[in-house]
Amino acid sequence: MKANIGTADRVVRVVGGLVIVGAGTYYRSWWGLVGFLPLLTAAVRLCPAYLPFRFSTCKADIDKPDLLPPGAGAA
């Protein structure tokens, strides 16, 4: 599947997930396990909740630099 989580979204998910896990550990609550969900989605760069709405925080493919040298395109 195509990634739908951009860099800023990943940072927010990692920080939020770590805060939730840390709070769960501090308060000795099982709710801290919920923090692993944003960490998982940030790691795989895919949010299933975005899929039905075709929402993406990734930059468009047009902004990505071409990895092939000039003149080396597919024939």
N, C-alpha and C. Protein backbone atom coordinates (compact mmCIF):
# COMPACT_ATOMS: atom_id res chain seq x y z
N MET A 1 0.83 -1.18 0.00
CA MET A 1 0.00 0.00 0.00
C MET A 1 0.88 1.24 0.00
N LYS A 2 0.33 2.31 -0.52
CA LYS A 2 1.06 3.56 -0.62
C LYS A 2 1.03 4.30 0.71
N ALA A 3 2.14 4.88 1.09
CA ALA A 3 2.22 5.65 2.34
C ALA A 3 1.31 6.86 2.27
N ASN A 4 0.65 7.18 3.39
CA ASN A 4 -0.21 8.36 3.42
C ASN A 4 0.08 9.25 4.64
N ILE A 5 1.22 9.06 5.26
CA ILE A 5 1.61 9.88 6.41
C ILE A 5 2.90 10.61 6.08
N GLY A 6 2.85 11.93 6.12
CA GLY A 6 4.01 12.76 5.83
C GLY A 6 4.93 12.92 7.03
N THR A 7 5.98 13.68 6.84
CA THR A 7 7.01 13.85 7.87
C THR A 7 6.46 14.53 9.12
N ALA A 8 5.77 15.64 8.97
CA ALA A 8 5.24 16.36 10.13
C ALA A 8 4.24 15.49 10.89
N ASP A 9 3.40 14.78 10.16
CA ASP A 9 2.42 13.88 10.78
C ASP A 9 3.13 12.77 11.55
N ARG A 10 4.22 12.24 11.01
CA ARG A 10 4.99 11.19 11.70
C ARG A 10 5.58 11.72 13.00
N VAL A 11 6.12 12.92 12.97
CA VAL A 11 6.72 13.50 14.18
C VAL A 11 5.67 13.66 15.27
N VAL A 12 4.50 14.18 14.89
CA VAL A 12 3.42 14.36 15.87
C VAL A 12 2.99 13.01 16.44
N ARG A 13 2.89 11.99 15.60
CA ARG A 13 2.48 10.66 16.06
C ARG A 13 3.52 10.04 17.00
N VAL A 14 4.79 10.20 16.67
CA VAL A 14 5.84 9.63 17.53
C VAL A 14 5.86 10.33 18.89
N VAL A 15 5.83 11.65 18.88
CA VAL A 15 5.85 12.39 20.15
C VAL A 15 4.60 12.07 20.97
N GLY A 16 3.43 12.10 20.33
CA GLY A 16 2.19 11.79 21.04
C GLY A 16 2.17 10.37 21.58
N GLY A 17 2.64 9.43 20.76
CA GLY A 17 2.68 8.04 21.20
C GLY A 17 3.60 7.84 22.38
N LEU A 18 4.76 8.48 22.35
CA LEU A 18 5.70 8.36 23.46
C LEU A 18 5.14 8.99 24.73
N VAL A 19 4.43 10.11 24.59
CA VAL A 19 3.81 10.76 25.76
C VAL A 19 2.75 9.85 26.36
N ILE A 20 1.92 9.23 25.52
CA ILE A 20 0.86 8.34 26.02
C ILE A 20 1.47 7.10 26.69
N VAL A 21 2.48 6.51 26.07
CA VAL A 21 3.14 5.34 26.67
C VAL A 21 3.80 5.74 27.99
N GLY A 22 4.46 6.89 28.01
CA GLY A 22 5.10 7.37 29.23
C GLY A 22 4.10 7.63 30.34
N ALA A 23 2.96 8.25 30.00
CA ALA A 23 1.93 8.51 31.01
C ALA A 23 1.34 7.20 31.52
N GLY A 24 1.14 6.25 30.62
CA GLY A 24 0.62 4.95 31.05
C GLY A 24 1.58 4.23 31.97
N THR A 25 2.88 4.36 31.69
CA THR A 25 3.89 3.74 32.55
C THR A 25 3.94 4.46 33.91
N TYR A 26 3.91 5.77 33.87
CA TYR A 26 3.98 6.56 35.11
C TYR A 26 2.79 6.26 36.02
N TYR A 27 1.60 6.22 35.43
CA TYR A 27 0.38 5.98 36.23
C TYR A 27 0.05 4.50 36.37
N ARG A 28 0.91 3.65 35.83
CA ARG A 28 0.72 2.20 35.89
C ARG A 28 -0.66 1.79 35.39
N SER A 29 -0.97 2.29 34.18
CA SER A 29 -2.27 2.05 33.57
C SER A 29 -2.09 1.31 32.25
N TRP A 30 -3.03 0.44 31.95
CA TRP A 30 -3.00 -0.27 30.68
C TRP A 30 -3.30 0.65 29.52
N TRP A 31 -3.84 1.82 29.79
CA TRP A 31 -4.13 2.78 28.73
C TRP A 31 -2.85 3.23 28.02
N GLY A 32 -1.71 3.05 28.64
CA GLY A 32 -0.45 3.39 27.99
C GLY A 32 -0.20 2.58 26.74
N LEU A 33 -0.81 1.41 26.65
CA LEU A 33 -0.66 0.58 25.45
C LEU A 33 -1.28 1.23 24.22
N VAL A 34 -2.25 2.12 24.43
CA VAL A 34 -2.87 2.84 23.31
C VAL A 34 -1.82 3.68 22.57
N GLY A 35 -0.79 4.10 23.26
CA GLY A 35 0.27 4.90 22.66
C GLY A 35 1.06 4.16 21.59
N PHE A 36 0.98 2.84 21.59
CA PHE A 36 1.69 2.09 20.56
C PHE A 36 1.02 2.19 19.20
N LEU A 37 -0.26 2.54 19.16
CA LEU A 37 -0.96 2.68 17.89
C LEU A 37 -0.38 3.83 17.05
N PRO A 38 -0.24 5.05 17.60
CA PRO A 38 0.39 6.09 16.78
C PRO A 38 1.85 5.79 16.46
N LEU A 39 2.55 5.10 17.35
CA LEU A 39 3.93 4.72 17.05
C LEU A 39 3.98 3.74 15.88
N LEU A 40 3.06 2.79 15.86
CA LEU A 40 3.01 1.81 14.78
C LEU A 40 2.67 2.48 13.45
N THR A 41 1.66 3.35 13.45
CA THR A 41 1.28 4.01 12.19
C THR A 41 2.41 4.93 11.69
N ALA A 42 3.15 5.53 12.60
CA ALA A 42 4.28 6.36 12.19
C ALA A 42 5.40 5.51 11.60
N ALA A 43 5.61 4.32 12.16
CA ALA A 43 6.68 3.44 11.68
C ALA A 43 6.38 2.91 10.28
N VAL A 44 5.14 2.56 10.00
CA VAL A 44 4.80 1.99 8.70
C VAL A 44 4.33 3.05 7.70
N ARG A 45 4.18 4.29 8.16
CA ARG A 45 3.76 5.43 7.33
C ARG A 45 2.42 5.20 6.66
N LEU A 46 1.54 4.49 7.34
CA LEU A 46 0.22 4.22 6.79
C LEU A 46 -0.82 4.33 7.90
N CYS A 47 -1.82 5.16 7.69
CA CYS A 47 -2.91 5.30 8.65
C CYS A 47 -4.19 4.74 8.02
N PRO A 48 -4.69 3.62 8.54
CA PRO A 48 -5.90 3.03 7.96
C PRO A 48 -7.11 3.96 8.03
N ALA A 49 -7.17 4.86 8.99
CA ALA A 49 -8.30 5.79 9.10
C ALA A 49 -8.31 6.80 7.95
N TYR A 50 -7.17 7.06 7.34
CA TYR A 50 -7.10 7.99 6.21
C TYR A 50 -7.59 7.35 4.91
N LEU A 51 -7.53 6.03 4.80
CA LEU A 51 -7.82 5.34 3.54
C LEU A 51 -9.23 5.58 3.00
N PRO A 52 -10.31 5.44 3.78
CA PRO A 52 -11.64 5.63 3.20
C PRO A 52 -11.88 7.05 2.67
N PHE A 53 -11.16 8.02 3.22
CA PHE A 53 -11.34 9.41 2.81
C PHE A 53 -10.32 9.84 1.76
N ARG A 54 -9.43 8.93 1.38
CA ARG A 54 -8.35 9.21 0.41
C ARG A 54 -7.55 10.44 0.84
N PHE A 55 -7.30 10.52 2.13
CA PHE A 55 -6.56 11.62 2.72
C PHE A 55 -5.10 11.25 2.84
N SER A 56 -4.21 12.20 2.59
CA SER A 56 -2.79 11.95 2.70
C SER A 56 -2.07 13.22 3.14
N THR A 57 -1.09 13.08 4.02
CA THR A 57 -0.28 14.22 4.42
C THR A 57 1.10 14.17 3.76
N CYS A 58 1.29 13.22 2.85
CA CYS A 58 2.54 13.13 2.09
C CYS A 58 2.56 14.20 1.02
N LYS A 59 3.74 14.64 0.67
CA LYS A 59 3.87 15.56 -0.46
C LYS A 59 3.55 14.80 -1.73
N ALA A 60 3.12 15.51 -2.75
CA ALA A 60 2.78 14.89 -4.03
C ALA A 60 4.03 14.28 -4.66
N ASP A 61 3.84 13.24 -5.45
CA ASP A 61 4.96 12.58 -6.13
C ASP A 61 5.73 13.55 -7.02
N ILE A 62 5.08 14.59 -7.46
CA ILE A 62 5.70 15.55 -8.36
C ILE A 62 6.84 16.30 -7.66
N ASP A 63 6.78 16.41 -6.32
CA ASP A 63 7.81 17.13 -5.56
C ASP A 63 9.04 16.28 -5.29
N LYS A 64 8.96 14.98 -5.54
CA LYS A 64 10.09 14.10 -5.25
C LYS A 64 11.12 14.21 -6.37
N PRO A 65 12.39 14.28 -6.03
CA PRO A 65 13.41 14.37 -7.08
C PRO A 65 13.54 13.07 -7.85
N ASP A 66 13.87 13.19 -9.11
CA ASP A 66 14.04 12.02 -9.95
C ASP A 66 15.39 11.38 -9.63
N LEU A 67 15.40 10.07 -9.41
CA LEU A 67 16.63 9.39 -9.02
C LEU A 67 17.48 8.99 -10.22
N LEU A 68 16.91 9.05 -11.41
CA LEU A 68 17.66 8.69 -12.61
C LEU A 68 18.42 9.90 -13.13
N PRO A 69 19.63 9.69 -13.65
CA PRO A 69 20.37 10.80 -14.23
C PRO A 69 19.69 11.25 -15.53
N PRO A 70 19.90 12.49 -15.96
CA PRO A 70 19.28 12.97 -17.19
C PRO A 70 19.65 12.07 -18.38
N GLY A 71 18.67 11.79 -19.22
CA GLY A 71 18.92 10.96 -20.40
C GLY A 71 18.89 9.47 -20.14
N ALA A 72 18.64 9.03 -18.90
CA ALA A 72 18.65 7.62 -18.57
C ALA A 72 17.23 7.08 -18.37
N GLY A 73 16.24 7.74 -18.98
CA GLY A 73 14.86 7.32 -18.81
C GLY A 73 14.58 5.99 -19.48
N ALA A 74 13.43 5.44 -19.18
CA ALA A 74 13.04 4.15 -19.75
C ALA A 74 12.83 4.29 -21.24
N ALA A 75 13.26 3.33 -21.98
CA ALA A 75 13.15 3.38 -23.45
C ALA A 75 11.86 2.77 -23.91
